[in-house]
């Protein structure tokens, strides 16, 4: 039987703290794992929802400590993932499972190669969150968390520990086709994140200008073309999905804007770069996305931002899984 405290969360950023607080709110006892040495024991964290603040005492462990983790939710940026997996590797055993909650694509295949024999679960988070203080997270928009094995090893069924999330307010669901979920999120992020970066606005303010709304529509339709090429059964509208994301996270700053303002590398190449690389493999031209990518990269270069190294594009590794 798995101990409740066996849910470890690597990374104490906005999403890591959001999940930890909601697990604690549901009566569970998660563990936040951080890189800073000498940090251990319980610390107080604050969750702000609809201007109501709740305090939670959450266990914190440093990577320098000795412990075993059965389930690790990895809540770091895509460009930080390789180092994070190296850091957590000594704390894994043959029964451990690692859940990847990064934006973008390309890193999932690399993680499987980096941790052979470890169960790798991919995930998509659409909640909006940001840190208003070091240990205070604002839940700015309620979305969902979708999890699943890329190889669908359990035929759509979820592992035993997954049931612990059912009593949280995070709307966590299991998917038998997680690649489809990841592509949908990638396409939406490829539209919303760089546009909010260029216009330096909150999600809910993005479509206030008619010209931006027009560009938004062009970008969504190009993304639909790519997803239809990857899966002939694709019938969803990225524009409908993107507008819903903007609505439920209206008060949130996109992760790309947050990273830019904090002087950190963004996930532009893991999101837009990956989408354009896949379009190239499929023989599709996406001129609006190409222009958006160029403008965003130029803005980052002009600001002196240090961008992360480009991800391995995956050589189309997701395309075959996507059609399943």
C-alpha atoms as a PDB file:
ATOM      1  CA  UNK A   1       0.000   0.000   0.000  1.00  0.00           C
ATOM      2  CA  UNK A   2       1.362   3.381  -0.985  1.00  0.00           C
ATOM      3  CA  UNK A   3       1.878   5.923   1.779  1.00  0.00           C
ATOM      4  CA  UNK A   4       0.091   9.242   1.267  1.00  0.00           C
ATOM      5  CA  UNK A   5       3.409  11.025   1.713  1.00  0.00           C
ATOM      6  CA  UNK A   6       4.868   9.083  -1.221  1.00  0.00           C
ATOM      7  CA  UNK A   7       3.592  11.775  -3.605  1.00  0.00           C
ATOM      8  CA  UNK A   8       6.672  13.923  -4.153  1.00  0.00           C
ATOM      9  CA  UNK A   9       6.598  17.188  -6.083  1.00  0.00           C
ATOM     10  CA  UNK A  10       9.907  18.256  -7.608  1.00  0.00           C
ATOM     11  CA  UNK A  11       9.938  22.006  -8.096  1.00  0.00           C
ATOM     12  CA  UNK A  12       8.393  24.663  -5.865  1.00  0.00           C
ATOM     13  CA  UNK A  13       7.303  27.103  -8.553  1.00  0.00           C
ATOM     14  CA  UNK A  14       3.714  28.175  -9.117  1.00  0.00           C
ATOM     15  CA  UNK A  15       2.433  24.806 -10.396  1.00  0.00           C
ATOM     16  CA  UNK A  16       4.378  22.777  -7.827  1.00  0.00           C
ATOM     17  CA  UNK A  17       3.036  24.872  -4.966  1.00  0.00           C
ATOM     18  CA  UNK A  18      -0.474  24.866  -6.447  1.00  0.00           C
ATOM     19  CA  UNK A  19      -0.595  21.060  -6.564  1.00  0.00           C
ATOM     20  CA  UNK A  20       0.996  20.687  -3.124  1.00  0.00           C
ATOM     21  CA  UNK A  21      -1.520  23.063  -1.518  1.00  0.00           C
ATOM     22  CA  UNK A  22      -4.502  21.372  -3.149  1.00  0.00           C
ATOM     23  CA  UNK A  23      -3.289  17.934  -2.085  1.00  0.00           C
ATOM     24  CA  UNK A  24      -2.885  19.227   1.480  1.00  0.00           C
ATOM     25  CA  UNK A  25      -6.323  20.833   1.270  1.00  0.00           C
ATOM     26  CA  UNK A  26      -7.742  17.389   0.393  1.00  0.00           C
ATOM     27  CA  UNK A  27      -6.155  15.866   3.499  1.00  0.00           C
ATOM     28  CA  UNK A  28      -3.111  14.327   1.828  1.00  0.00           C
ATOM     29  CA  UNK A  29       0.495  14.809   2.897  1.00  0.00           C
ATOM     30  CA  UNK A  30       2.610  15.634  -0.177  1.00  0.00           C
ATOM     31  CA  UNK A  31       6.324  16.338  -0.119  1.00  0.00           C
ATOM     32  CA  UNK A  32       7.867  19.303  -1.942  1.00  0.00           C
ATOM     33  CA  UNK A  33      11.386  18.492  -3.123  1.00  0.00           C
ATOM     34  CA  UNK A  34      13.776  21.409  -3.647  1.00  0.00           C
ATOM     35  CA  UNK A  35      17.402  21.798  -4.688  1.00  0.00           C
ATOM     36  CA  UNK A  36      18.399  24.195  -1.908  1.00  0.00           C
ATOM     37  CA  UNK A  37      20.551  22.346   0.643  1.00  0.00           C
ATOM     38  CA  UNK A  38      19.655  22.328   4.309  1.00  0.00           C
ATOM     39  CA  UNK A  39      15.917  22.719   3.830  1.00  0.00           C
ATOM     40  CA  UNK A  40      13.793  20.088   5.550  1.00  0.00           C
ATOM     41  CA  UNK A  41      10.766  19.686   7.779  1.00  0.00           C
ATOM     42  CA  UNK A  42       7.445  21.459   7.453  1.00  0.00           C
ATOM     43  CA  UNK A  43       6.976  24.923   6.063  1.00  0.00           C
ATOM     44  CA  UNK A  44       3.907  27.113   5.723  1.00  0.00           C
ATOM     45  CA  UNK A  45       2.538  27.778   2.249  1.00  0.00           C
ATOM     46  CA  UNK A  46      -0.415  29.961   1.238  1.00  0.00           C
ATOM     47  CA  UNK A  47      -3.045  29.240  -1.404  1.00  0.00           C
ATOM     48  CA  UNK A  48      -5.057  32.231  -2.654  1.00  0.00           C
ATOM     49  CA  UNK A  49      -8.346  31.457  -4.406  1.00  0.00           C
ATOM     50  CA  UNK A  50     -10.939  34.129  -5.157  1.00  0.00           C
ATOM     51  CA  UNK A  51      -9.242  36.463  -2.662  1.00  0.00           C
ATOM     52  CA  UNK A  52      -9.495  33.851   0.118  1.00  0.00           C
ATOM     53  CA  UNK A  53      -6.146  32.835   1.607  1.00  0.00           C
ATOM     54  CA  UNK A  54      -5.598  29.433   3.221  1.00  0.00           C
ATOM     55  CA  UNK A  55      -2.432  28.287   4.963  1.00  0.00           C
ATOM     56  CA  UNK A  56      -1.022  24.766   4.738  1.00  0.00           C
ATOM     57  CA  UNK A  57       1.872  23.093   6.517  1.00  0.00           C
ATOM     58  CA  UNK A  58       3.688  21.097   3.838  1.00  0.00           C
ATOM     59  CA  UNK A  59       6.669  18.786   4.166  1.00  0.00           C
ATOM     60  CA  UNK A  60       9.782  19.954   2.336  1.00  0.00           C
ATOM     61  CA  UNK A  61      12.845  17.843   1.528  1.00  0.00           C
ATOM     62  CA  UNK A  62      16.127  18.763  -0.072  1.00  0.00           C
ATOM     63  CA  UNK A  63      17.628  16.623  -2.821  1.00  0.00           C
ATOM     64  CA  UNK A  64      20.690  16.151  -0.616  1.00  0.00           C
ATOM     65  CA  UNK A  65      18.607  14.111   1.837  1.00  0.00           C
ATOM     66  CA  UNK A  66      18.183  10.353   1.603  1.00  0.00           C
ATOM     67  CA  UNK A  67      14.677   9.276   0.622  1.00  0.00           C
ATOM     68  CA  UNK A  68      12.773   7.080  -1.813  1.00  0.00           C
ATOM     69  CA  UNK A  69       9.999   8.480  -4.021  1.00  0.00           C
ATOM     70  CA  UNK A  70       7.360   6.212  -5.532  1.00  0.00           C
ATOM     71  CA  UNK A  71       5.572   8.967  -7.470  1.00  0.00           C
ATOM     72  CA  UNK A  72       7.318  12.179  -8.517  1.00  0.00           C
ATOM     73  CA  UNK A  73       5.438  15.054 -10.142  1.00  0.00           C
ATOM     74  CA  UNK A  74       8.122  17.028 -11.970  1.00  0.00           C
ATOM     75  CA  UNK A  75       7.047  20.693 -11.971  1.00  0.00           C
ATOM     76  CA  UNK A  76      10.051  22.434 -13.492  1.00  0.00           C
ATOM     77  CA  UNK A  77      10.411  24.187 -16.847  1.00  0.00           C
ATOM     78  CA  UNK A  78      11.106  22.116 -19.959  1.00  0.00           C
ATOM     79  CA  UNK A  79      14.641  23.514 -20.228  1.00  0.00           C
ATOM     80  CA  UNK A  80      15.311  22.483 -16.618  1.00  0.00           C
ATOM     81  CA  UNK A  81      14.018  18.935 -17.025  1.00  0.00           C
ATOM     82  CA  UNK A  82      17.234  17.075 -17.884  1.00  0.00           C
ATOM     83  CA  UNK A  83      19.030  18.377 -14.796  1.00  0.00           C
ATOM     84  CA  UNK A  84      15.948  17.749 -12.635  1.00  0.00           C
ATOM     85  CA  UNK A  85      15.770  14.107 -13.713  1.00  0.00           C
ATOM     86  CA  UNK A  86      19.473  13.647 -12.991  1.00  0.00           C
ATOM     87  CA  UNK A  87      18.870  15.153  -9.549  1.00  0.00           C
ATOM     88  CA  UNK A  88      15.927  12.911  -8.671  1.00  0.00           C
ATOM     89  CA  UNK A  89      17.394   9.702 -10.156  1.00  0.00           C
ATOM     90  CA  UNK A  90      19.146   8.604  -6.908  1.00  0.00           C
ATOM     91  CA  UNK A  91      15.776   8.734  -5.118  1.00  0.00           C
ATOM     92  CA  UNK A  92      13.985   6.399  -7.552  1.00  0.00           C
ATOM     93  CA  UNK A  93      13.689   2.625  -7.514  1.00  0.00           C
ATOM     94  CA  UNK A  94      12.252   0.004  -9.865  1.00  0.00           C
ATOM     95  CA  UNK A  95       8.720   0.809  -8.715  1.00  0.00           C
ATOM     96  CA  UNK A  96       8.938   4.588  -9.120  1.00  0.00           C
ATOM     97  CA  UNK A  97       6.894   6.560 -11.613  1.00  0.00           C
ATOM     98  CA  UNK A  98       7.745  10.043 -12.862  1.00  0.00           C
ATOM     99  CA  UNK A  99       5.043  12.462 -14.023  1.00  0.00           C
ATOM    100  CA  UNK A 100       6.134  15.170 -16.478  1.00  0.00           C
ATOM    101  CA  UNK A 101       4.144  18.410 -16.265  1.00  0.00           C
ATOM    102  CA  UNK A 102       6.131  20.682 -18.587  1.00  0.00           C
ATOM    103  CA  UNK A 103       4.837  22.874 -21.399  1.00  0.00           C
ATOM    104  CA  UNK A 104       5.836  21.988 -24.925  1.00  0.00           C
ATOM    105  CA  UNK A 105       6.922  18.730 -26.501  1.00  0.00           C
ATOM    106  CA  UNK A 106      10.110  16.884 -27.383  1.00  0.00           C
ATOM    107  CA  UNK A 107      11.291  16.450 -23.820  1.00  0.00           C
ATOM    108  CA  UNK A 108       9.046  13.457 -23.095  1.00  0.00           C
ATOM    109  CA  UNK A 109      10.997  11.172 -25.427  1.00  0.00           C
ATOM    110  CA  UNK A 110      14.283  12.442 -23.981  1.00  0.00           C
ATOM    111  CA  UNK A 111      13.065  11.689 -20.444  1.00  0.00           C
ATOM    112  CA  UNK A 112      12.237   8.090 -21.374  1.00  0.00           C
ATOM    113  CA  UNK A 113      15.754   7.669 -22.739  1.00  0.00           C
ATOM    114  CA  UNK A 114      17.283   9.347 -19.691  1.00  0.00           C
ATOM    115  CA  UNK A 115      15.428   7.117 -17.201  1.00  0.00           C
ATOM    116  CA  UNK A 116      15.148   3.710 -18.891  1.00  0.00           C
ATOM    117  CA  UNK A 117      13.006   1.286 -16.946  1.00  0.00           C
ATOM    118  CA  UNK A 118      11.219   4.037 -15.033  1.00  0.00           C
ATOM    119  CA  UNK A 119       7.513   4.540 -15.618  1.00  0.00           C
ATOM    120  CA  UNK A 120       7.137   7.886 -17.410  1.00  0.00           C
ATOM    121  CA  UNK A 121       3.732   9.555 -17.350  1.00  0.00           C
ATOM    122  CA  UNK A 122       3.054  12.630 -19.460  1.00  0.00           C
ATOM    123  CA  UNK A 123       0.737  15.375 -18.301  1.00  0.00           C
ATOM    124  CA  UNK A 124      -0.994  18.574 -19.307  1.00  0.00           C
ATOM    125  CA  UNK A 125      -1.895  21.349 -16.857  1.00  0.00           C
ATOM    126  CA  UNK A 126      -4.338  24.095 -17.833  1.00  0.00           C
ATOM    127  CA  UNK A 127      -4.724  25.745 -14.433  1.00  0.00           C
ATOM    128  CA  UNK A 128      -3.566  29.342 -14.193  1.00  0.00           C
ATOM    129  CA  UNK A 129      -1.252  30.126 -11.273  1.00  0.00           C
ATOM    130  CA  UNK A 130       1.417  32.614 -10.245  1.00  0.00           C
ATOM    131  CA  UNK A 131       3.476  33.338  -7.143  1.00  0.00           C
ATOM    132  CA  UNK A 132       2.619  36.540  -5.300  1.00  0.00           C
ATOM    133  CA  UNK A 133       5.301  35.750  -2.697  1.00  0.00           C
ATOM    134  CA  UNK A 134       7.969  33.084  -2.210  1.00  0.00           C
ATOM    135  CA  UNK A 135       5.533  30.624  -0.604  1.00  0.00           C
ATOM    136  CA  UNK A 136       2.195  32.066  -1.715  1.00  0.00           C
ATOM    137  CA  UNK A 137       0.506  30.846  -4.880  1.00  0.00           C
ATOM    138  CA  UNK A 138      -2.487  32.498  -6.524  1.00  0.00           C
ATOM    139  CA  UNK A 139      -4.875  30.095  -8.252  1.00  0.00           C
ATOM    140  CA  UNK A 140      -5.853  32.505 -11.017  1.00  0.00           C
ATOM    141  CA  UNK A 141      -7.839  30.136 -13.221  1.00  0.00           C
ATOM    142  CA  UNK A 142      -9.333  26.686 -12.710  1.00  0.00           C
ATOM    143  CA  UNK A 143      -8.529  24.234 -15.474  1.00  0.00           C
ATOM    144  CA  UNK A 144      -7.689  20.530 -15.547  1.00  0.00           C
ATOM    145  CA  UNK A 145      -4.744  18.173 -15.228  1.00  0.00           C
ATOM    146  CA  UNK A 146      -4.655  15.318 -17.736  1.00  0.00           C
ATOM    147  CA  UNK A 147      -2.272  12.397 -17.233  1.00  0.00           C
ATOM    148  CA  UNK A 148      -1.480   9.279 -19.223  1.00  0.00           C
ATOM    149  CA  UNK A 149       1.143   6.821 -20.447  1.00  0.00           C
ATOM    150  CA  UNK A 150       2.321   7.497 -23.966  1.00  0.00           C
ATOM    151  CA  UNK A 151       2.397   3.760 -24.654  1.00  0.00           C
ATOM    152  CA  UNK A 152      -1.054   3.291 -23.032  1.00  0.00           C
ATOM    153  CA  UNK A 153       0.417   0.338 -21.104  1.00  0.00           C
ATOM    154  CA  UNK A 154      -2.670  -0.023 -18.878  1.00  0.00           C
ATOM    155  CA  UNK A 155      -5.153   0.151 -21.776  1.00  0.00           C
ATOM    156  CA  UNK A 156      -6.595   3.420 -20.545  1.00  0.00           C
ATOM    157  CA  UNK A 157      -6.720   2.367 -16.880  1.00  0.00           C
ATOM    158  CA  UNK A 158      -4.893   4.425 -14.279  1.00  0.00           C
ATOM    159  CA  UNK A 159      -2.326   3.293 -11.678  1.00  0.00           C
ATOM    160  CA  UNK A 160      -3.483   2.748  -8.065  1.00  0.00           C
ATOM    161  CA  UNK A 161      -2.017   5.985  -6.676  1.00  0.00           C
ATOM    162  CA  UNK A 162      -4.045   8.074  -9.141  1.00  0.00           C
ATOM    163  CA  UNK A 163      -7.161   7.719  -6.984  1.00  0.00           C
ATOM    164  CA  UNK A 164      -5.613  10.030  -4.395  1.00  0.00           C
ATOM    165  CA  UNK A 165      -6.234  12.979  -6.713  1.00  0.00           C
ATOM    166  CA  UNK A 166      -9.974  12.360  -7.013  1.00  0.00           C
ATOM    167  CA  UNK A 167     -10.829  14.323  -3.870  1.00  0.00           C
ATOM    168  CA  UNK A 168      -8.856  17.415  -4.871  1.00  0.00           C
ATOM    169  CA  UNK A 169     -10.225  20.502  -6.618  1.00  0.00           C
ATOM    170  CA  UNK A 170      -7.662  20.154  -9.407  1.00  0.00           C
ATOM    171  CA  UNK A 171      -9.942  18.222 -11.830  1.00  0.00           C
ATOM    172  CA  UNK A 172      -7.350  15.524 -12.505  1.00  0.00           C
ATOM    173  CA  UNK A 173      -8.280  13.035 -15.252  1.00  0.00           C
ATOM    174  CA  UNK A 174      -6.639  10.016 -16.873  1.00  0.00           C
ATOM    175  CA  UNK A 175      -6.325   9.841 -20.656  1.00  0.00           C
ATOM    176  CA  UNK A 176      -5.864   6.785 -22.838  1.00  0.00           C
ATOM    177  CA  UNK A 177      -4.476   9.044 -25.614  1.00  0.00           C
ATOM    178  CA  UNK A 178      -2.287  11.581 -23.849  1.00  0.00           C
ATOM    179  CA  UNK A 179      -0.453  12.597 -27.028  1.00  0.00           C
ATOM    180  CA  UNK A 180      -3.666  14.032 -28.428  1.00  0.00           C
ATOM    181  CA  UNK A 181      -4.055  16.034 -25.203  1.00  0.00           C
ATOM    182  CA  UNK A 182      -0.454  17.243 -25.402  1.00  0.00           C
ATOM    183  CA  UNK A 183      -0.797  18.351 -29.017  1.00  0.00           C
ATOM    184  CA  UNK A 184      -3.988  20.264 -28.246  1.00  0.00           C
ATOM    185  CA  UNK A 185      -2.300  22.094 -25.389  1.00  0.00           C
ATOM    186  CA  UNK A 186       0.835  22.720 -27.447  1.00  0.00           C
ATOM    187  CA  UNK A 187      -1.242  24.310 -30.217  1.00  0.00           C
ATOM    188  CA  UNK A 188      -3.130  26.540 -27.771  1.00  0.00           C
ATOM    189  CA  UNK A 189       0.077  27.567 -25.990  1.00  0.00           C
ATOM    190  CA  UNK A 190       1.736  28.303 -29.337  1.00  0.00           C
ATOM    191  CA  UNK A 191      -0.959  30.918 -29.961  1.00  0.00           C
ATOM    192  CA  UNK A 192      -1.575  32.374 -26.497  1.00  0.00           C
ATOM    193  CA  UNK A 193       1.899  32.470 -24.933  1.00  0.00           C
ATOM    194  CA  UNK A 194       3.891  34.394 -27.564  1.00  0.00           C
ATOM    195  CA  UNK A 195       1.006  36.794 -28.235  1.00  0.00           C
ATOM    196  CA  UNK A 196       0.746  37.680 -24.557  1.00  0.00           C
ATOM    197  CA  UNK A 197       4.543  38.005 -24.511  1.00  0.00           C
ATOM    198  CA  UNK A 198       4.568  40.456 -27.412  1.00  0.00           C
ATOM    199  CA  UNK A 199       1.704  42.518 -26.000  1.00  0.00           C
ATOM    200  CA  UNK A 200       2.731  42.161 -22.333  1.00  0.00           C
ATOM    201  CA  UNK A 201      -0.820  41.561 -21.200  1.00  0.00           C
ATOM    202  CA  UNK A 202      -2.803  39.200 -19.025  1.00  0.00           C
ATOM    203  CA  UNK A 203      -4.608  36.383 -20.797  1.00  0.00           C
ATOM    204  CA  UNK A 204      -8.007  38.025 -20.451  1.00  0.00           C
ATOM    205  CA  UNK A 205      -6.759  41.233 -22.117  1.00  0.00           C
ATOM    206  CA  UNK A 206      -5.280  39.585 -25.206  1.00  0.00           C
ATOM    207  CA  UNK A 207      -8.245  39.951 -27.575  1.00  0.00           C
ATOM    208  CA  UNK A 208      -9.160  43.513 -26.621  1.00  0.00           C
ATOM    209  CA  UNK A 209      -7.543  44.809 -29.845  1.00  0.00           C
ATOM    210  CA  UNK A 210      -9.263  43.885 -33.162  1.00  0.00           C
ATOM    211  CA  UNK A 211      -5.949  43.393 -34.988  1.00  0.00           C
ATOM    212  CA  UNK A 212      -4.703  40.963 -32.350  1.00  0.00           C
ATOM    213  CA  UNK A 213      -7.985  39.056 -32.479  1.00  0.00           C
ATOM    214  CA  UNK A 214      -7.614  38.750 -36.259  1.00  0.00           C
ATOM    215  CA  UNK A 215      -4.078  37.413 -35.919  1.00  0.00           C
ATOM    216  CA  UNK A 216      -5.293  35.067 -33.181  1.00  0.00           C
ATOM    217  CA  UNK A 217      -7.807  33.545 -35.594  1.00  0.00           C
ATOM    218  CA  UNK A 218      -5.213  33.026 -38.342  1.00  0.00           C
ATOM    219  CA  UNK A 219      -2.850  31.298 -35.904  1.00  0.00           C
ATOM    220  CA  UNK A 220      -5.577  28.986 -34.604  1.00  0.00           C
ATOM    221  CA  UNK A 221      -6.614  27.930 -38.101  1.00  0.00           C
ATOM    222  CA  UNK A 222      -3.020  27.162 -39.055  1.00  0.00           C
ATOM    223  CA  UNK A 223      -2.693  25.006 -35.949  1.00  0.00           C
ATOM    224  CA  UNK A 224      -5.886  23.157 -36.932  1.00  0.00           C
ATOM    225  CA  UNK A 225      -4.326  22.380 -40.316  1.00  0.00           C
ATOM    226  CA  UNK A 226      -1.301  20.790 -38.666  1.00  0.00           C
ATOM    227  CA  UNK A 227      -3.357  18.728 -36.206  1.00  0.00           C
ATOM    228  CA  UNK A 228      -5.629  17.539 -39.022  1.00  0.00           C
ATOM    229  CA  UNK A 229      -2.527  16.427 -40.932  1.00  0.00           C
ATOM    230  CA  UNK A 230      -1.296  14.483 -37.900  1.00  0.00           C
ATOM    231  CA  UNK A 231      -4.695  12.903 -37.270  1.00  0.00           C
ATOM    232  CA  UNK A 232      -7.311  12.739 -40.026  1.00  0.00           C
ATOM    233  CA  UNK A 233      -9.973  12.340 -37.306  1.00  0.00           C
ATOM    234  CA  UNK A 234      -9.172  15.737 -35.783  1.00  0.00           C
ATOM    235  CA  UNK A 235     -12.392  17.738 -35.628  1.00  0.00           C
ATOM    236  CA  UNK A 236     -11.744  20.092 -32.704  1.00  0.00           C
ATOM    237  CA  UNK A 237     -11.292  23.837 -33.062  1.00  0.00           C
ATOM    238  CA  UNK A 238      -8.121  25.249 -31.515  1.00  0.00           C
ATOM    239  CA  UNK A 239      -9.719  28.692 -31.556  1.00  0.00           C
ATOM    240  CA  UNK A 240     -12.615  27.467 -29.412  1.00  0.00           C
ATOM    241  CA  UNK A 241     -10.184  25.823 -26.991  1.00  0.00           C
ATOM    242  CA  UNK A 242      -7.876  28.848 -26.874  1.00  0.00           C
ATOM    243  CA  UNK A 243     -10.753  31.239 -26.201  1.00  0.00           C
ATOM    244  CA  UNK A 244     -11.873  28.996 -23.336  1.00  0.00           C
ATOM    245  CA  UNK A 245      -8.362  29.036 -21.871  1.00  0.00           C
ATOM    246  CA  UNK A 246      -8.290  32.833 -22.080  1.00  0.00           C
ATOM    247  CA  UNK A 247     -11.645  32.958 -20.327  1.00  0.00           C
ATOM    248  CA  UNK A 248     -10.836  30.669 -17.405  1.00  0.00           C
ATOM    249  CA  UNK A 249      -7.346  32.158 -16.907  1.00  0.00           C
ATOM    250  CA  UNK A 250      -8.324  35.774 -17.627  1.00  0.00           C
ATOM    251  CA  UNK A 251      -6.570  37.105 -14.539  1.00  0.00           C
ATOM    252  CA  UNK A 252      -3.369  35.152 -15.123  1.00  0.00           C
ATOM    253  CA  UNK A 253      -0.103  36.078 -16.804  1.00  0.00           C
ATOM    254  CA  UNK A 254       1.025  33.365 -19.224  1.00  0.00           C
ATOM    255  CA  UNK A 255       4.098  31.395 -18.178  1.00  0.00           C
ATOM    256  CA  UNK A 256       6.047  32.979 -21.032  1.00  0.00           C
ATOM    257  CA  UNK A 257       5.321  36.490 -19.773  1.00  0.00           C
ATOM    258  CA  UNK A 258       6.195  35.448 -16.218  1.00  0.00           C
ATOM    259  CA  UNK A 259       9.516  33.963 -17.338  1.00  0.00           C
ATOM    260  CA  UNK A 260      10.342  36.995 -19.483  1.00  0.00           C
ATOM    261  CA  UNK A 261       9.674  39.433 -16.632  1.00  0.00           C
ATOM    262  CA  UNK A 262      11.714  37.314 -14.233  1.00  0.00           C
ATOM    263  CA  UNK A 263      14.658  37.307 -16.631  1.00  0.00           C
ATOM    264  CA  UNK A 264      14.465  33.544 -17.087  1.00  0.00           C
ATOM    265  CA  UNK A 265      14.644  31.503 -20.315  1.00  0.00           C
ATOM    266  CA  UNK A 266      11.225  30.880 -21.839  1.00  0.00           C
ATOM    267  CA  UNK A 267       9.828  27.670 -23.332  1.00  0.00           C
ATOM    268  CA  UNK A 268       9.352  29.288 -26.753  1.00  0.00           C
ATOM    269  CA  UNK A 269      11.360  26.660 -28.627  1.00  0.00           C
ATOM    270  CA  UNK A 270       9.697  23.789 -26.770  1.00  0.00           C
ATOM    271  CA  UNK A 271       6.304  25.145 -27.816  1.00  0.00           C
ATOM    272  CA  UNK A 272       6.465  27.178 -31.033  1.00  0.00           C
ATOM    273  CA  UNK A 273       9.758  25.709 -32.166  1.00  0.00           C
ATOM    274  CA  UNK A 274       8.439  22.176 -31.844  1.00  0.00           C
ATOM    275  CA  UNK A 275       5.185  23.029 -33.637  1.00  0.00           C
ATOM    276  CA  UNK A 276       7.067  24.560 -36.574  1.00  0.00           C
ATOM    277  CA  UNK A 277       9.529  21.650 -36.724  1.00  0.00           C
ATOM    278  CA  UNK A 278       6.645  19.195 -36.967  1.00  0.00           C
ATOM    279  CA  UNK A 279       4.959  21.334 -39.634  1.00  0.00           C
ATOM    280  CA  UNK A 280       8.187  21.169 -41.630  1.00  0.00           C
ATOM    281  CA  UNK A 281       8.278  17.391 -41.336  1.00  0.00           C
ATOM    282  CA  UNK A 282       4.701  17.276 -42.579  1.00  0.00           C
ATOM    283  CA  UNK A 283       5.438  19.583 -45.521  1.00  0.00           C
ATOM    284  CA  UNK A 284       3.166  22.352 -44.204  1.00  0.00           C
ATOM    285  CA  UNK A 285       3.879  26.066 -44.276  1.00  0.00           C
ATOM    286  CA  UNK A 286       2.487  28.050 -41.352  1.00  0.00           C
ATOM    287  CA  UNK A 287       3.402  31.651 -42.253  1.00  0.00           C
ATOM    288  CA  UNK A 288       1.595  33.285 -39.341  1.00  0.00           C
ATOM    289  CA  UNK A 289       3.275  30.984 -36.822  1.00  0.00           C
ATOM    290  CA  UNK A 290       6.652  31.504 -38.487  1.00  0.00           C
ATOM    291  CA  UNK A 291       6.253  35.278 -38.223  1.00  0.00           C
ATOM    292  CA  UNK A 292       5.080  35.057 -34.615  1.00  0.00           C
ATOM    293  CA  UNK A 293       8.063  32.888 -33.695  1.00  0.00           C
ATOM    294  CA  UNK A 294      10.488  35.320 -35.338  1.00  0.00           C
ATOM    295  CA  UNK A 295       8.958  38.329 -33.578  1.00  0.00           C
ATOM    296  CA  UNK A 296       9.001  36.612 -30.193  1.00  0.00           C
ATOM    297  CA  UNK A 297      12.621  35.510 -30.605  1.00  0.00           C
ATOM    298  CA  UNK A 298      13.593  39.017 -31.674  1.00  0.00           C
ATOM    299  CA  UNK A 299      11.907  40.512 -28.616  1.00  0.00           C
ATOM    300  CA  UNK A 300      13.765  38.098 -26.364  1.00  0.00           C
ATOM    301  CA  UNK A 301      17.069  38.811 -28.125  1.00  0.00           C
ATOM    302  CA  UNK A 302      16.553  42.593 -27.853  1.00  0.00           C
ATOM    303  CA  UNK A 303      15.934  42.244 -24.125  1.00  0.00           C
ATOM    304  CA  UNK A 304      19.147  40.282 -23.654  1.00  0.00           C
ATOM    305  CA  UNK A 305      17.182  37.264 -22.432  1.00  0.00           C
ATOM    306  CA  UNK A 306      19.145  34.035 -22.253  1.00  0.00           C
ATOM    307  CA  UNK A 307      17.153  31.399 -24.082  1.00  0.00           C
ATOM    308  CA  UNK A 308      17.404  27.720 -23.288  1.00  0.00           C
ATOM    309  CA  UNK A 309      18.956  25.333 -25.763  1.00  0.00           C
ATOM    310  CA  UNK A 310      16.538  24.075 -28.382  1.00  0.00           C
ATOM    311  CA  UNK A 311      14.903  20.733 -27.573  1.00  0.00           C
ATOM    312  CA  UNK A 312      15.440  17.607 -29.572  1.00  0.00           C
ATOM    313  CA  UNK A 313      12.559  17.797 -32.010  1.00  0.00           C
ATOM    314  CA  UNK A 314      11.691  14.142 -31.555  1.00  0.00           C
ATOM    315  CA  UNK A 315      12.001  13.219 -35.231  1.00  0.00           C
ATOM    316  CA  UNK A 316       8.255  12.854 -35.496  1.00  0.00           C
ATOM    317  CA  UNK A 317       8.131  10.487 -32.532  1.00  0.00           C
ATOM    318  CA  UNK A 318       4.759  11.810 -31.422  1.00  0.00           C
ATOM    319  CA  UNK A 319       3.043  11.605 -34.782  1.00  0.00           C
ATOM    320  CA  UNK A 320       2.511   7.834 -34.762  1.00  0.00           C
ATOM    321  CA  UNK A 321       1.236   7.828 -31.178  1.00  0.00           C
ATOM    322  CA  UNK A 322      -1.100  10.730 -31.924  1.00  0.00           C
ATOM    323  CA  UNK A 323      -3.144   8.695 -34.403  1.00  0.00           C
ATOM    324  CA  UNK A 324      -3.884   5.878 -31.971  1.00  0.00           C
END
